[in-house]
Amino acid sequence: QVQLVESGGGLVQTGGSLRLSCAASGRSFSRNVMAWFRQVPEKEREFVAAVRWIGDTTNVYQNAVKGRFTISRDNYENTLYLQMNSLKPEDTAVYYCAGSVIDDCSGYGCYRTSLYEYWGQGTQVTVSS
């Protein structure tokens, strides 16, 4: 059984930092696209960032988080990370980890929720003003 378990969410002040983790079990995602999404009540789940298996230089980010968030992975630990710096109140959301069965995506192609077969349960991030 494949499981993705997020951790690291919490309450932080504007300008602060948090590091989210997503521990995968049941299969390796080392050669697959993995991503972070976020969702606020009554809105659709929104793409945040994706990592492709061919390396950090080809990571994909939503414009609103570029330069502030960094996605990374530890293939040995089968864990995905999201380092979030300079947090803003508009970053407040439930953050979800997602795993695909493909090894590559390109630009907006990485944004589609349908690309990802596996999802975590989410972790709440709240940024106070």
Foldseek 3Di string as FASTA:
>chain_A
DKAWAKDWADEAAQQAKIKMKIQIDDDFQLQWKKFKWWDDPPDDIWGAKIDANVDQVQIEGDPVQPPFKGWDDDRVRSMIMIIGGRDDQVVWTWMKMFIAPHRDDDYCRVTDPVRTDHMHPTDTHGYHD
